[in-house]
C-alpha cells in the first residue's frame, strides 16, 4: 500500500463512483437515443404487439358490421331466454340490440362474473347442438334466423334434461318447454 494521506474509505468511494458512472453510461446513451427518436417522430413507428393489432382489426371489422362493442357495457344482463331463442342468439346475435352472435364472445367480453358463467353454460349446451348438426351433416357457417330455427327443431333432442336433479329431487318437467312458453 502506498501512503497518500487519503483515508481508505474515500478511495473506495471514489472507485465505486467510477463503477457507477461506467454502469449508468449506457442507460444515459439509451435515453439520449430515445429522446432523438421522439424528436424525429420515429417512436410512433414502433410496431405494436400482434395481439393488439388483431384486437384492433376485429374491433374495426365489428364496427363496420354495425356492432360498436361486444358486450362490455356494465348494464348488460345475460338474456333469460328459451333454448330456441338462445340458439338464435348463439348463431345470429341480435342486430336490433347490436349484439354479435354469442358464439363469437369470450368470457373476457362479459362485464360480470355471473355473465361469464352464463356464457359458459350456454356454450356447453350449444356445443351439444352443434355436434348433433355436424353428425347429421347440417352444419353451416352462417345462418339466418329462419335457418337457425329449422336446425334447432331438428337437433333439439341433443339437449337432454334428466328427470331428477343432482340432489335426487324430482324435476318439474311441466315447467320446461322448448320455446320457453309457460304451460
Protein backbone atom coordinates (compact mmCIF):
# COMPACT_ATOMS: atom_id res chain seq x y z
CA UNK A 1 0.00 0.00 0.00
CA UNK A 2 1.13 3.46 -0.85
CA UNK A 3 0.72 6.07 1.79
CA UNK A 4 -1.17 9.04 0.33
CA UNK A 5 -2.77 10.56 3.35
CA UNK A 6 -6.28 9.85 1.97
CA UNK A 7 -8.36 7.56 4.16
CA UNK A 8 -9.08 4.14 2.54
CA UNK A 9 -12.87 4.58 2.63
CA UNK A 10 -12.58 7.71 0.47
CA UNK A 11 -10.58 5.78 -2.12
CA UNK A 12 -13.18 3.00 -2.12
CA UNK A 13 -15.98 5.57 -2.54
CA UNK A 14 -14.09 7.11 -5.46
CA UNK A 15 -13.77 3.67 -7.12
CA UNK A 16 -17.48 2.95 -6.52
CA UNK A 17 -18.40 6.28 -8.12
CA UNK A 18 -16.30 5.39 -11.19
CA UNK A 19 -18.06 1.99 -11.44
CA UNK A 20 -21.47 3.64 -11.10
CA UNK A 21 -20.65 6.12 -13.87
CA UNK A 22 -19.50 3.27 -16.12
CA UNK A 23 -22.71 1.34 -15.41
CA UNK A 24 -25.04 4.30 -16.00
CA UNK A 25 -23.32 5.50 -19.18
CA UNK A 26 -25.19 3.03 -21.46
CA UNK A 27 -28.50 3.96 -19.80
CA UNK A 28 -27.85 7.64 -20.50
CA UNK A 29 -26.97 6.77 -24.10
CA UNK A 30 -30.22 4.80 -24.49
CA UNK A 31 -32.19 7.72 -23.05
CA UNK A 32 -30.48 10.08 -25.49
CA UNK A 33 -31.31 7.78 -28.42
CA UNK A 34 -34.97 7.53 -27.32
CA UNK A 35 -35.17 11.32 -26.99
CA UNK A 36 -33.77 11.66 -30.51
CA UNK A 37 -36.33 9.13 -31.81
CA UNK A 38 -39.12 11.07 -30.13
CA UNK A 39 -37.82 14.32 -31.56
CA UNK A 40 -37.82 12.85 -35.07
CA UNK A 41 -41.16 11.08 -34.62
CA UNK A 42 -39.68 7.61 -35.09
CA UNK A 43 -41.17 6.28 -31.85
CA UNK A 44 -44.63 6.43 -33.42
CA UNK A 45 -43.47 3.88 -35.99
CA UNK A 46 -42.65 1.32 -33.32
CA UNK A 47 -44.70 -1.84 -34.03
CA UNK A 48 -47.36 -2.81 -31.51
CA UNK A 49 -47.90 -6.33 -30.32
CA UNK A 50 -49.57 -8.84 -32.63
CA UNK A 51 -52.37 -9.32 -30.12
CA UNK A 52 -53.15 -5.60 -30.07
CA UNK A 53 -53.13 -5.39 -33.87
CA UNK A 54 -55.54 -8.36 -34.09
CA UNK A 55 -57.84 -6.85 -31.46
CA UNK A 56 -57.87 -3.56 -33.41
CA UNK A 57 -58.66 -5.37 -36.68
CA UNK A 58 -61.52 -7.32 -35.09
CA UNK A 59 -62.92 -4.18 -33.48
CA UNK A 60 -62.73 -2.36 -36.81
CA UNK A 61 -64.50 -5.23 -38.62
CA UNK A 62 -67.24 -5.38 -35.98
CA UNK A 63 -67.71 -1.62 -36.15
CA UNK A 64 -68.09 -1.85 -39.93
CA UNK A 65 -70.69 -4.60 -39.40
CA UNK A 66 -72.67 -2.29 -37.11
CA UNK A 67 -71.52 -3.70 -33.78
CA UNK A 68 -69.77 -1.00 -31.76
CA UNK A 69 -68.76 -3.05 -28.76
CA UNK A 70 -69.08 -6.70 -27.97
CA UNK A 71 -70.81 -6.70 -24.60
CA UNK A 72 -68.54 -4.56 -22.48
CA UNK A 73 -71.24 -2.31 -21.04
CA UNK A 74 -71.77 -2.72 -17.33
CA UNK A 75 -75.58 -2.71 -17.62
CA UNK A 76 -75.60 -5.81 -19.86
CA UNK A 77 -77.66 -8.66 -18.40
CA UNK A 78 -77.42 -12.10 -19.89
CA UNK A 79 -80.81 -12.77 -21.52
CA UNK A 80 -83.27 -15.10 -19.85
CA UNK A 81 -84.41 -16.99 -22.93
CA UNK A 82 -85.68 -20.35 -24.08
CA UNK A 83 -83.31 -22.87 -25.65
CA UNK A 84 -84.60 -21.97 -29.12
CA UNK A 85 -84.12 -18.23 -28.56
CA UNK A 86 -80.67 -18.82 -27.06
CA UNK A 87 -79.71 -20.87 -30.14
CA UNK A 88 -80.73 -17.94 -32.35
CA UNK A 89 -78.69 -15.55 -30.18
CA UNK A 90 -75.80 -18.04 -30.27
CA UNK A 91 -75.70 -18.24 -34.07
CA UNK A 92 -77.27 -14.96 -35.27
CA UNK A 93 -76.98 -12.49 -32.41
CA UNK A 94 -79.45 -9.65 -32.09
CA UNK A 95 -78.82 -6.90 -34.65
CA UNK A 96 -81.53 -4.69 -33.11
CA UNK A 97 -79.74 -4.72 -29.75
CA UNK A 98 -76.36 -4.59 -31.55
CA UNK A 99 -75.27 -7.90 -30.05
CA UNK A 100 -72.97 -10.13 -32.08
CA UNK A 101 -73.58 -13.88 -32.25
CA UNK A 102 -72.83 -15.19 -28.76
CA UNK A 103 -70.68 -17.85 -30.42
CA UNK A 104 -68.09 -15.12 -31.11
CA UNK A 105 -67.92 -13.97 -27.49
CA UNK A 106 -65.26 -14.93 -25.00
CA UNK A 107 -65.57 -14.79 -21.23
CA UNK A 108 -63.47 -11.60 -21.07
CA UNK A 109 -66.12 -9.87 -23.22
CA UNK A 110 -68.66 -10.27 -20.42
CA UNK A 111 -68.88 -7.42 -17.89
CA UNK A 112 -69.53 -9.52 -14.77
CA UNK A 113 -68.51 -12.89 -13.38
CA UNK A 114 -72.15 -14.03 -13.44
CA UNK A 115 -72.41 -13.25 -17.17
CA UNK A 116 -69.17 -15.17 -17.74
CA UNK A 117 -70.67 -18.22 -16.02
CA UNK A 118 -73.89 -17.96 -18.04
CA UNK A 119 -71.89 -17.73 -21.27
CA UNK A 120 -70.02 -20.88 -20.27
CA UNK A 121 -73.31 -22.67 -19.54
CA UNK A 122 -74.77 -21.61 -22.88
CA UNK A 123 -71.58 -22.63 -24.72
CA UNK A 124 -71.84 -26.12 -23.20
CA UNK A 125 -75.46 -26.53 -24.35
CA UNK A 126 -74.94 -25.02 -27.79
CA UNK A 127 -71.90 -27.22 -28.43
CA UNK A 128 -74.17 -30.25 -27.97
CA UNK A 129 -76.49 -28.94 -30.67
CA UNK A 130 -73.58 -28.13 -32.96
CA UNK A 131 -72.16 -31.65 -32.52
CA UNK A 132 -75.57 -33.08 -33.44
CA UNK A 133 -75.73 -30.82 -36.52
CA UNK A 134 -72.27 -31.96 -37.54
CA UNK A 135 -73.29 -35.60 -37.10
CA UNK A 136 -76.30 -35.22 -39.41
CA UNK A 137 -74.32 -33.10 -41.91
CA UNK A 138 -76.31 -29.89 -41.47
CA UNK A 139 -73.52 -27.67 -40.11
CA UNK A 140 -73.40 -24.23 -41.78
CA UNK A 141 -71.13 -21.28 -41.11
CA UNK A 142 -73.71 -18.51 -41.45
CA UNK A 143 -77.39 -18.84 -40.65
CA UNK A 144 -80.43 -16.66 -40.95
CA UNK A 145 -82.90 -16.65 -38.07
CA UNK A 146 -85.26 -18.89 -40.04
CA UNK A 147 -82.49 -21.40 -40.86
CA UNK A 148 -81.34 -21.39 -37.23
CA UNK A 149 -84.89 -22.13 -36.07
CA UNK A 150 -85.28 -25.04 -38.52
CA UNK A 151 -81.93 -26.52 -37.49
CA UNK A 152 -82.80 -26.15 -33.80
CA UNK A 153 -86.02 -28.12 -34.30
CA UNK A 154 -84.01 -30.89 -35.98
CA UNK A 155 -81.48 -31.07 -33.13
CA UNK A 156 -83.44 -30.04 -30.02
CA UNK A 157 -83.23 -33.59 -28.69
CA UNK A 158 -79.45 -33.14 -28.35
CA UNK A 159 -80.14 -31.23 -25.14
CA UNK A 160 -81.31 -33.85 -22.70
CA UNK A 161 -82.81 -32.91 -19.37
CA UNK A 162 -82.86 -35.70 -16.81
CA UNK A 163 -85.97 -36.41 -14.76
CA UNK A 164 -84.16 -35.77 -11.47
CA UNK A 165 -81.82 -33.05 -10.30
CA UNK A 166 -78.45 -33.64 -8.65
CA UNK A 167 -79.77 -33.98 -5.09
CA UNK A 168 -82.27 -36.56 -6.46
CA UNK A 169 -85.24 -34.24 -6.39
CA UNK A 170 -87.93 -34.73 -8.97
CA UNK A 171 -87.69 -32.23 -11.78
CA UNK A 172 -90.88 -30.38 -12.62
CA UNK A 173 -90.84 -31.09 -16.34
CA UNK A 174 -94.12 -29.27 -16.84
CA UNK A 175 -92.15 -26.04 -16.35
CA UNK A 176 -89.75 -26.92 -19.14
CA UNK A 177 -90.64 -26.16 -22.70
CA UNK A 178 -88.69 -25.91 -25.91
CA UNK A 179 -89.87 -22.43 -26.77
CA UNK A 180 -89.93 -21.03 -23.22
CA UNK A 181 -93.70 -20.63 -23.06
CA UNK A 182 -95.47 -21.42 -19.82
CA UNK A 183 -97.90 -24.40 -19.91
